[in-house]
Amino acid sequence: MDERQAAEALAIAEAQQDRAQRAARLPWWVYAAMFVLAVAGGASNDFVSVNGSKLIAVFVLAALVVVLVAGFILRSAPLSRIRGVESRKSLLPRVFGLAVFADAAVTWLLLRYGTGFAHTIANTVGLPGYPNTVIGVLCGVVFTALFALGQSLRTRSARPAAR
């Protein structure tokens, strides 16, 4: 009788943990917004003049300040608020290492190949007049995928090792 009750209690606890993990996931529109913003940032360089680029930079800086102030005032990260959970403030070495590696690789590629790389890819896909838009799409895919991977690794490493 006690084993059966223990098994039922364990099943209830695991079900509750799974529900909490599903509820803590980011909504799909966060990933869509991340992709669209990355593409818009790249495309703006193809369609906006230098003065317009300065205006866009001011808007980006203002948005950054708003996010930082909101995080400071609310004592919680905006993504944690969207998820409805409080972050643990823990550093996961695997996730951090992967992010540093990806950042180093992208930085190296940009420094090594620069704008010539953007023009080559744009010409290859048939959009020679829009190299920044093409690179914006590629960066949007890469950064959104890396963010999703980081969220997935964080979720998996937070689960208990033995079930």
N, C-alpha and C. Protein backbone atom coordinates (compact mmCIF):
# COMPACT_ATOMS: atom_id res chain seq x y z
N MET A 1 0.81 -1.19 0.00
CA MET A 1 0.00 0.00 0.00
C MET A 1 0.87 1.27 0.00
N ASP A 2 1.92 1.30 0.79
CA ASP A 2 2.79 2.46 0.87
C ASP A 2 3.53 2.69 -0.45
N GLU A 3 3.95 1.59 -1.10
CA GLU A 3 4.65 1.73 -2.38
C GLU A 3 3.73 2.33 -3.43
N ARG A 4 2.48 1.92 -3.43
CA ARG A 4 1.52 2.44 -4.40
C ARG A 4 1.28 3.93 -4.16
N GLN A 5 1.15 4.33 -2.92
CA GLN A 5 0.95 5.74 -2.60
C GLN A 5 2.18 6.56 -2.97
N ALA A 6 3.36 6.00 -2.72
CA ALA A 6 4.60 6.69 -3.09
C ALA A 6 4.70 6.84 -4.60
N ALA A 7 4.33 5.81 -5.34
CA ALA A 7 4.37 5.87 -6.80
C ALA A 7 3.37 6.91 -7.32
N GLU A 8 2.19 6.97 -6.72
CA GLU A 8 1.19 7.96 -7.13
C GLU A 8 1.68 9.37 -6.82
N ALA A 9 2.27 9.55 -5.65
CA ALA A 9 2.79 10.87 -5.27
C ALA A 9 3.91 11.30 -6.21
N LEU A 10 4.77 10.36 -6.58
CA LEU A 10 5.85 10.66 -7.52
C LEU A 10 5.30 11.04 -8.89
N ALA A 11 4.28 10.31 -9.33
CA ALA A 11 3.66 10.61 -10.63
C ALA A 11 3.02 12.00 -10.61
N ILE A 12 2.37 12.34 -9.52
CA ILE A 12 1.74 13.66 -9.41
C ILE A 12 2.81 14.75 -9.41
N ALA A 13 3.90 14.53 -8.68
CA ALA A 13 4.98 15.52 -8.63
C ALA A 13 5.62 15.70 -10.00
N GLU A 14 5.85 14.61 -10.71
CA GLU A 14 6.44 14.71 -12.04
C GLU A 14 5.51 15.41 -13.02
N ALA A 15 4.21 15.13 -12.92
CA ALA A 15 3.23 15.80 -13.79
C ALA A 15 3.21 17.30 -13.51
N GLN A 16 3.26 17.66 -12.23
CA GLN A 16 3.28 19.08 -11.87
C GLN A 16 4.55 19.76 -12.38
N GLN A 17 5.68 19.07 -12.28
CA GLN A 17 6.94 19.62 -12.77
C GLN A 17 6.90 19.81 -14.28
N ASP A 18 6.35 18.85 -15.00
CA ASP A 18 6.22 18.98 -16.46
C ASP A 18 5.32 20.15 -16.83
N ARG A 19 4.19 20.32 -16.11
CA ARG A 19 3.29 21.45 -16.38
C ARG A 19 3.99 22.78 -16.12
N ALA A 20 4.77 22.85 -15.05
CA ALA A 20 5.48 24.07 -14.73
C ALA A 20 6.53 24.39 -15.80
N GLN A 21 7.23 23.36 -16.30
CA GLN A 21 8.22 23.59 -17.34
C GLN A 21 7.57 24.06 -18.64
N ARG A 22 6.42 23.47 -18.99
CA ARG A 22 5.72 23.91 -20.19
C ARG A 22 5.23 25.34 -20.04
N ALA A 23 4.74 25.69 -18.86
CA ALA A 23 4.25 27.05 -18.63
C ALA A 23 5.39 28.07 -18.66
N ALA A 24 6.60 27.64 -18.32
CA ALA A 24 7.73 28.56 -18.27
C ALA A 24 8.38 28.78 -19.64
N ARG A 25 7.98 28.04 -20.64
CA ARG A 25 8.55 28.23 -21.97
C ARG A 25 8.14 29.58 -22.53
N LEU A 26 9.02 30.11 -23.36
CA LEU A 26 8.69 31.37 -24.03
C LEU A 26 7.64 31.15 -25.09
N PRO A 27 6.75 32.12 -25.27
CA PRO A 27 5.75 31.98 -26.34
C PRO A 27 6.41 32.05 -27.71
N TRP A 28 5.76 31.50 -28.70
CA TRP A 28 6.31 31.43 -30.05
C TRP A 28 6.60 32.81 -30.62
N TRP A 29 5.80 33.80 -30.24
CA TRP A 29 5.96 35.12 -30.83
C TRP A 29 7.26 35.80 -30.41
N VAL A 30 7.87 35.36 -29.31
CA VAL A 30 9.17 35.93 -28.92
C VAL A 30 10.21 35.57 -29.96
N TYR A 31 10.20 34.32 -30.41
CA TYR A 31 11.15 33.88 -31.44
C TYR A 31 10.86 34.58 -32.78
N ALA A 32 9.58 34.73 -33.11
CA ALA A 32 9.23 35.42 -34.36
C ALA A 32 9.67 36.88 -34.31
N ALA A 33 9.45 37.55 -33.18
CA ALA A 33 9.86 38.95 -33.04
C ALA A 33 11.37 39.09 -33.12
N MET A 34 12.10 38.14 -32.53
CA MET A 34 13.56 38.17 -32.58
C MET A 34 14.04 38.06 -34.03
N PHE A 35 13.45 37.16 -34.78
CA PHE A 35 13.82 36.99 -36.18
C PHE A 35 13.50 38.25 -37.00
N VAL A 36 12.29 38.78 -36.83
CA VAL A 36 11.88 39.95 -37.59
C VAL A 36 12.76 41.16 -37.27
N LEU A 37 13.10 41.34 -36.00
CA LEU A 37 13.96 42.46 -35.63
C LEU A 37 15.36 42.33 -36.23
N ALA A 38 15.88 41.11 -36.27
CA ALA A 38 17.20 40.91 -36.87
C ALA A 38 17.16 41.19 -38.37
N VAL A 39 16.12 40.73 -39.04
CA VAL A 39 15.99 40.99 -40.48
C VAL A 39 15.78 42.48 -40.73
N ALA A 40 14.96 43.12 -39.93
CA ALA A 40 14.70 44.55 -40.10
C ALA A 40 15.98 45.35 -39.90
N GLY A 41 16.80 44.94 -38.94
CA GLY A 41 18.06 45.63 -38.72
C GLY A 41 18.97 45.54 -39.93
N GLY A 42 19.05 44.37 -40.53
CA GLY A 42 19.87 44.22 -41.73
C GLY A 42 19.28 44.94 -42.92
N ALA A 43 17.98 44.81 -43.12
CA ALA A 43 17.32 45.43 -44.28
C ALA A 43 17.36 46.95 -44.20
N SER A 44 17.37 47.48 -42.98
CA SER A 44 17.38 48.94 -42.87
C SER A 44 18.63 49.54 -43.50
N ASN A 45 19.72 48.80 -43.50
CA ASN A 45 20.95 49.31 -44.13
C ASN A 45 20.84 49.37 -45.65
N ASP A 46 19.94 48.61 -46.24
CA ASP A 46 19.74 48.66 -47.69
C ASP A 46 18.78 49.77 -48.11
N PHE A 47 17.88 50.15 -47.21
CA PHE A 47 16.81 51.07 -47.60
C PHE A 47 16.86 52.43 -46.93
N VAL A 48 17.70 52.62 -45.93
CA VAL A 48 17.70 53.86 -45.16
C VAL A 48 19.01 54.60 -45.39
N SER A 49 18.91 55.93 -45.48
CA SER A 49 20.11 56.76 -45.68
C SER A 49 20.92 56.81 -44.38
N VAL A 50 22.05 57.50 -44.43
CA VAL A 50 22.91 57.62 -43.25
C VAL A 50 22.17 58.31 -42.11
N ASN A 51 21.42 59.37 -42.40
CA ASN A 51 20.65 60.05 -41.36
C ASN A 51 19.59 59.13 -40.78
N GLY A 52 18.97 58.33 -41.62
CA GLY A 52 17.98 57.37 -41.14
C GLY A 52 18.62 56.30 -40.27
N SER A 53 19.84 55.91 -40.62
CA SER A 53 20.55 54.92 -39.80
C SER A 53 20.83 55.47 -38.41
N LYS A 54 21.17 56.75 -38.34
CA LYS A 54 21.39 57.36 -37.04
C LYS A 54 20.10 57.37 -36.22
N LEU A 55 18.98 57.62 -36.87
CA LEU A 55 17.70 57.61 -36.18
C LEU A 55 17.38 56.21 -35.67
N ILE A 56 17.63 55.21 -36.48
CA ILE A 56 17.40 53.82 -36.06
C ILE A 56 18.29 53.48 -34.87
N ALA A 57 19.54 53.93 -34.90
CA ALA A 57 20.45 53.68 -33.77
C ALA A 57 19.92 54.33 -32.49
N VAL A 58 19.35 55.51 -32.61
CA VAL A 58 18.77 56.19 -31.43
C VAL A 58 17.59 55.37 -30.90
N PHE A 59 16.74 54.85 -31.79
CA PHE A 59 15.61 54.03 -31.34
C PHE A 59 16.08 52.75 -30.65
N VAL A 60 17.09 52.12 -31.21
CA VAL A 60 17.63 50.90 -30.60
C VAL A 60 18.21 51.20 -29.22
N LEU A 61 18.96 52.29 -29.12
CA LEU A 61 19.52 52.68 -27.84
C LEU A 61 18.43 53.00 -26.82
N ALA A 62 17.38 53.69 -27.26
CA ALA A 62 16.26 54.00 -26.37
C ALA A 62 15.57 52.73 -25.90
N ALA A 63 15.38 51.76 -26.81
CA ALA A 63 14.76 50.49 -26.41
C ALA A 63 15.63 49.75 -25.42
N LEU A 64 16.94 49.77 -25.60
CA LEU A 64 17.86 49.14 -24.67
C LEU A 64 17.76 49.78 -23.29
N VAL A 65 17.72 51.10 -23.25
CA VAL A 65 17.60 51.81 -21.98
C VAL A 65 16.28 51.45 -21.28
N VAL A 66 15.19 51.39 -22.04
CA VAL A 66 13.89 51.03 -21.47
C VAL A 66 13.94 49.62 -20.87
N VAL A 67 14.53 48.67 -21.58
CA VAL A 67 14.62 47.30 -21.07
C VAL A 67 15.49 47.24 -19.82
N LEU A 68 16.62 47.94 -19.83
CA LEU A 68 17.49 47.95 -18.65
C LEU A 68 16.82 48.60 -17.44
N VAL A 69 16.16 49.72 -17.66
CA VAL A 69 15.46 50.40 -16.55
C VAL A 69 14.32 49.53 -16.04
N ALA A 70 13.56 48.92 -16.96
CA ALA A 70 12.46 48.04 -16.53
C ALA A 70 13.00 46.87 -15.71
N GLY A 71 14.10 46.29 -16.15
CA GLY A 71 14.70 45.19 -15.38
C GLY A 71 15.17 45.63 -14.02
N PHE A 72 15.73 46.85 -13.94
CA PHE A 72 16.21 47.37 -12.66
C PHE A 72 15.04 47.67 -11.71
N ILE A 73 14.01 48.32 -12.23
CA ILE A 73 12.87 48.69 -11.40
C ILE A 73 12.07 47.47 -10.96
N LEU A 74 11.81 46.55 -11.89
CA LEU A 74 11.00 45.37 -11.59
C LEU A 74 11.79 44.28 -10.88
N ARG A 75 13.12 44.42 -10.83
CA ARG A 75 14.00 43.41 -10.22
C ARG A 75 13.81 42.04 -10.86
N SER A 76 13.49 42.06 -12.14
CA SER A 76 13.29 40.83 -12.89
C SER A 76 13.57 41.10 -14.35
N ALA A 77 14.11 40.13 -15.04
CA ALA A 77 14.37 40.27 -16.47
C ALA A 77 13.05 40.26 -17.24
N PRO A 78 12.96 41.06 -18.31
CA PRO A 78 11.72 41.08 -19.10
C PRO A 78 11.30 39.70 -19.61
N LEU A 79 12.27 38.84 -20.03
CA LEU A 79 11.89 37.51 -20.50
C LEU A 79 11.32 36.67 -19.36
N SER A 80 11.82 36.86 -18.16
CA SER A 80 11.26 36.14 -17.01
C SER A 80 9.84 36.59 -16.75
N ARG A 81 9.57 37.85 -16.94
CA ARG A 81 8.20 38.37 -16.77
C ARG A 81 7.27 37.76 -17.82
N ILE A 82 7.75 37.68 -19.06
CA ILE A 82 6.92 37.11 -20.13
C ILE A 82 6.59 35.66 -19.81
N ARG A 83 7.58 34.91 -19.32
CA ARG A 83 7.36 33.51 -18.98
C ARG A 83 6.54 33.34 -17.72
N GLY A 84 6.55 34.35 -16.87
CA GLY A 84 5.83 34.25 -15.60
C GLY A 84 6.61 33.47 -14.55
N VAL A 85 7.92 33.45 -14.67
CA VAL A 85 8.76 32.75 -13.70
C VAL A 85 9.88 33.68 -13.26
N GLU A 86 10.49 33.33 -12.16
CA GLU A 86 11.65 34.08 -11.68
C GLU A 86 12.89 33.28 -12.03
N SER A 87 13.88 33.95 -12.58
CA SER A 87 15.09 33.24 -12.98
C SER A 87 15.92 32.89 -11.76
N ARG A 88 16.74 31.86 -11.92
CA ARG A 88 17.57 31.38 -10.82
C ARG A 88 18.91 32.08 -10.75
N LYS A 89 19.25 32.86 -11.75
CA LYS A 89 20.52 33.57 -11.80
C LYS A 89 21.72 32.64 -11.76
N SER A 90 21.56 31.45 -12.29
CA SER A 90 22.67 30.51 -12.30
C SER A 90 23.34 30.52 -13.67
N LEU A 91 24.63 30.32 -13.66
CA LEU A 91 25.41 30.28 -14.89
C LEU A 91 25.65 28.82 -15.25
N LEU A 92 25.23 28.43 -16.43
CA LEU A 92 25.44 27.07 -16.89
C LEU A 92 26.66 27.07 -17.80
N PRO A 93 27.71 26.40 -17.42
CA PRO A 93 28.96 26.45 -18.19
C PRO A 93 28.81 26.01 -19.64
N ARG A 94 28.01 24.97 -19.90
CA ARG A 94 27.85 24.51 -21.29
C ARG A 94 27.18 25.55 -22.15
N VAL A 95 26.12 26.17 -21.63
CA VAL A 95 25.39 27.19 -22.39
C VAL A 95 26.28 28.41 -22.60
N PHE A 96 26.98 28.83 -21.55
CA PHE A 96 27.87 29.98 -21.66
C PHE A 96 28.99 29.69 -22.65
N GLY A 97 29.57 28.52 -22.58
CA GLY A 97 30.65 28.14 -23.50
C GLY A 97 30.18 28.12 -24.94
N LEU A 98 28.99 27.57 -25.18
CA LEU A 98 28.44 27.54 -26.54
C LEU A 98 28.19 28.96 -27.05
N ALA A 99 27.67 29.82 -26.20
CA ALA A 99 27.41 31.21 -26.61
C ALA A 99 28.72 31.94 -26.93
N VAL A 100 29.74 31.73 -26.10
CA VAL A 100 31.04 32.38 -26.35
C VAL A 100 31.65 31.86 -27.65
N PHE A 101 31.56 30.55 -27.88
CA PHE A 101 32.09 29.97 -29.12
C PHE A 101 31.37 30.53 -30.34
N ALA A 102 30.03 30.57 -30.29
CA ALA A 102 29.25 31.08 -31.42
C ALA A 102 29.56 32.55 -31.67
N ASP A 103 29.66 33.32 -30.60
CA ASP A 103 29.98 34.73 -30.74
C ASP A 103 31.36 34.92 -31.36
N ALA A 104 32.32 34.14 -30.90
CA ALA A 104 33.69 34.23 -31.43
C ALA A 104 33.71 33.84 -32.91
N ALA A 105 32.98 32.80 -33.27
CA ALA A 105 32.95 32.35 -34.67
C ALA A 105 32.33 33.41 -35.58
N VAL A 106 31.20 33.98 -35.15
CA VAL A 106 30.54 35.01 -35.96
C VAL A 106 31.42 36.25 -36.07
N THR A 107 32.03 36.66 -34.96
CA THR A 107 32.93 37.82 -34.99
C THR A 107 34.10 37.58 -35.93
N TRP A 108 34.68 36.39 -35.86
CA TRP A 108 35.81 36.06 -36.74
C TRP A 108 35.38 36.12 -38.21
N LEU A 109 34.21 35.54 -38.52
CA LEU A 109 33.73 35.57 -39.90
C LEU A 109 33.52 36.99 -40.39
N LEU A 110 32.92 37.83 -39.54
CA LEU A 110 32.67 39.21 -39.95
C LEU A 110 33.97 39.99 -40.15
N LEU A 111 34.92 39.77 -39.26
CA LEU A 111 36.20 40.47 -39.40
C LEU A 111 36.98 39.98 -40.60
N ARG A 112 36.90 38.70 -40.87
CA ARG A 112 37.68 38.12 -41.97
C ARG A 112 37.09 38.44 -43.35
N TYR A 113 35.76 38.31 -43.46
CA TYR A 113 35.15 38.44 -44.78
C TYR A 113 34.37 39.74 -44.98
N GLY A 114 33.88 40.33 -43.92
CA GLY A 114 33.22 41.64 -43.97
C GLY A 114 32.11 41.76 -44.99
N THR A 115 32.04 42.92 -45.63
CA THR A 115 30.94 43.20 -46.56
C THR A 115 31.06 42.41 -47.85
N GLY A 116 32.26 41.98 -48.22
CA GLY A 116 32.42 41.17 -49.42
C GLY A 116 31.63 39.87 -49.32
N PHE A 117 31.60 39.32 -48.13
CA PHE A 117 30.83 38.10 -47.87
C PHE A 117 29.34 38.35 -48.10
N ALA A 118 28.86 39.49 -47.61
CA ALA A 118 27.44 39.84 -47.79
C ALA A 118 27.10 39.98 -49.26
N HIS A 119 27.95 40.65 -50.01
CA HIS A 119 27.69 40.84 -51.45
C HIS A 119 27.75 39.51 -52.21
N THR A 120 28.68 38.65 -51.84
CA THR A 120 28.79 37.34 -52.49
C THR A 120 27.52 36.52 -52.29
N ILE A 121 27.04 36.46 -51.06
CA ILE A 121 25.82 35.68 -50.78
C ILE A 121 24.62 36.30 -51.49
N ALA A 122 24.50 37.63 -51.44
CA ALA A 122 23.38 38.29 -52.10
C ALA A 122 23.39 38.03 -53.61
N ASN A 123 24.55 38.08 -54.22
CA ASN A 123 24.65 37.78 -55.65
C ASN A 123 24.29 36.33 -55.94
N THR A 124 24.70 35.42 -55.05
CA THR A 124 24.42 34.00 -55.24
C THR A 124 22.93 33.71 -55.21
N VAL A 125 22.20 34.36 -54.30
CA VAL A 125 20.76 34.09 -54.20
C VAL A 125 19.92 34.96 -55.14
N GLY A 126 20.59 35.81 -55.92
CA GLY A 126 19.86 36.59 -56.92
C GLY A 126 19.34 37.93 -56.43
N LEU A 127 19.88 38.45 -55.35
CA LEU A 127 19.48 39.75 -54.83
C LEU A 127 20.70 40.66 -54.69
N PRO A 128 21.33 41.02 -55.83
CA PRO A 128 22.59 41.77 -55.74
C PRO A 128 22.45 43.16 -55.13
N GLY A 129 21.28 43.74 -55.15
CA GLY A 129 21.10 45.08 -54.60
C GLY A 129 20.77 45.11 -53.11
N TYR A 130 20.65 43.93 -52.50
CA TYR A 130 20.20 43.88 -51.11
C TYR A 130 21.09 42.98 -50.25
N PRO A 131 22.39 43.25 -50.20
CA PRO A 131 23.27 42.36 -49.43
C PRO A 131 22.98 42.37 -47.93
N ASN A 132 22.63 43.53 -47.38
CA ASN A 132 22.38 43.60 -45.94
C ASN A 132 21.08 42.90 -45.55
N THR A 133 20.10 42.91 -46.45
CA THR A 133 18.86 42.19 -46.17
C THR A 133 19.11 40.69 -46.13
N VAL A 134 19.90 40.19 -47.08
CA VAL A 134 20.22 38.76 -47.11
C VAL A 134 20.99 38.36 -45.85
N ILE A 135 21.97 39.16 -45.47
CA ILE A 135 22.73 38.86 -44.25
C ILE A 135 21.83 38.99 -43.03
N GLY A 136 20.90 39.94 -43.04
CA GLY A 136 19.94 40.07 -41.94
C GLY A 136 19.10 38.82 -41.76
N VAL A 137 18.66 38.23 -42.87
CA VAL A 137 17.89 36.99 -42.80
C VAL A 137 18.76 35.86 -42.24
N LEU A 138 19.98 35.75 -42.73
CA LEU A 138 20.88 34.70 -42.22
C LEU A 138 21.18 34.89 -40.74
N CYS A 139 21.48 36.12 -40.35
CA CYS A 139 21.75 36.39 -38.93
C CYS A 139 20.50 36.14 -38.09
N GLY A 140 19.34 36.51 -38.60
CA GLY A 140 18.09 36.26 -37.88
C GLY A 140 17.89 34.78 -37.62
N VAL A 141 18.15 33.96 -38.64
CA VAL A 141 18.01 32.51 -38.47
C VAL A 141 19.02 31.99 -37.46
N VAL A 142 20.28 32.42 -37.60
CA VAL A 142 21.33 31.93 -36.71
C VAL A 142 21.09 32.36 -35.27
N PHE A 143 20.82 33.65 -35.04
CA PHE A 143 20.64 34.14 -33.68
C PHE A 143 19.38 33.56 -33.04
N THR A 144 18.30 33.43 -33.80
CA THR A 144 17.09 32.83 -33.24
C THR A 144 17.32 31.37 -32.90
N ALA A 145 18.01 30.65 -33.77
CA ALA A 145 18.32 29.24 -33.49
C ALA A 145 19.24 29.10 -32.28
N LEU A 146 20.24 29.96 -32.16
CA LEU A 146 21.13 29.91 -31.00
C LEU A 146 20.38 30.24 -29.71
N PHE A 147 19.48 31.20 -29.77
CA PHE A 147 18.69 31.54 -28.59
C PHE A 147 17.79 30.37 -28.20
N ALA A 148 17.14 29.75 -29.18
CA ALA A 148 16.29 28.59 -28.90
C ALA A 148 17.12 27.43 -28.35
N LEU A 149 18.32 27.23 -28.90
CA LEU A 149 19.20 26.19 -28.39
C LEU A 149 19.60 26.47 -26.94
N GLY A 150 19.92 27.71 -26.65
CA GLY A 150 20.27 28.09 -25.28
C GLY A 150 19.13 27.85 -24.32
N GLN A 151 17.91 28.19 -24.74
CA GLN A 151 16.75 27.95 -23.89
C GLN A 151 16.54 26.45 -23.67
N SER A 152 16.73 25.67 -24.73
CA SER A 152 16.58 24.22 -24.62
C SER A 152 17.63 23.61 -23.70
N LEU A 153 18.89 24.03 -23.86
CA LEU A 153 19.96 23.51 -23.00
C LEU A 153 19.73 23.91 -21.55
N ARG A 154 19.26 25.11 -21.36
CA ARG A 154 18.99 25.58 -19.99
C ARG A 154 17.88 24.76 -19.35
N THR A 155 16.83 24.47 -20.11
CA THR A 155 15.74 23.67 -19.59
C THR A 155 16.19 22.25 -19.28
N ARG A 156 16.95 21.67 -20.19
CA ARG A 156 17.41 20.28 -19.98
C ARG A 156 18.39 20.15 -18.83
N SER A 157 19.26 21.15 -18.66
CA SER A 157 20.24 21.05 -17.57
C SER A 157 19.59 21.34 -16.22
N ALA A 158 18.41 21.98 -16.23
CA ALA A 158 17.72 22.27 -14.97
C ALA A 158 16.92 21.06 -14.48
N ARG A 159 16.66 20.09 -15.34
CA ARG A 159 15.91 18.90 -14.93
C ARG A 159 16.77 18.02 -14.04
N PRO A 160 16.13 17.29 -13.15
CA PRO A 160 16.90 16.37 -12.31
C PRO A 160 17.55 15.27 -13.16
N ALA A 161 18.73 14.85 -12.75
CA ALA A 161 19.50 13.87 -13.53
C ALA A 161 18.83 12.50 -13.53
N ALA A 162 18.35 12.07 -12.41
CA ALA A 162 17.74 10.74 -12.33
C ALA A 162 16.24 10.85 -12.11
N ARG A 163 15.50 10.03 -12.84
CA ARG A 163 14.03 10.02 -12.69
C ARG A 163 13.60 8.68 -12.25
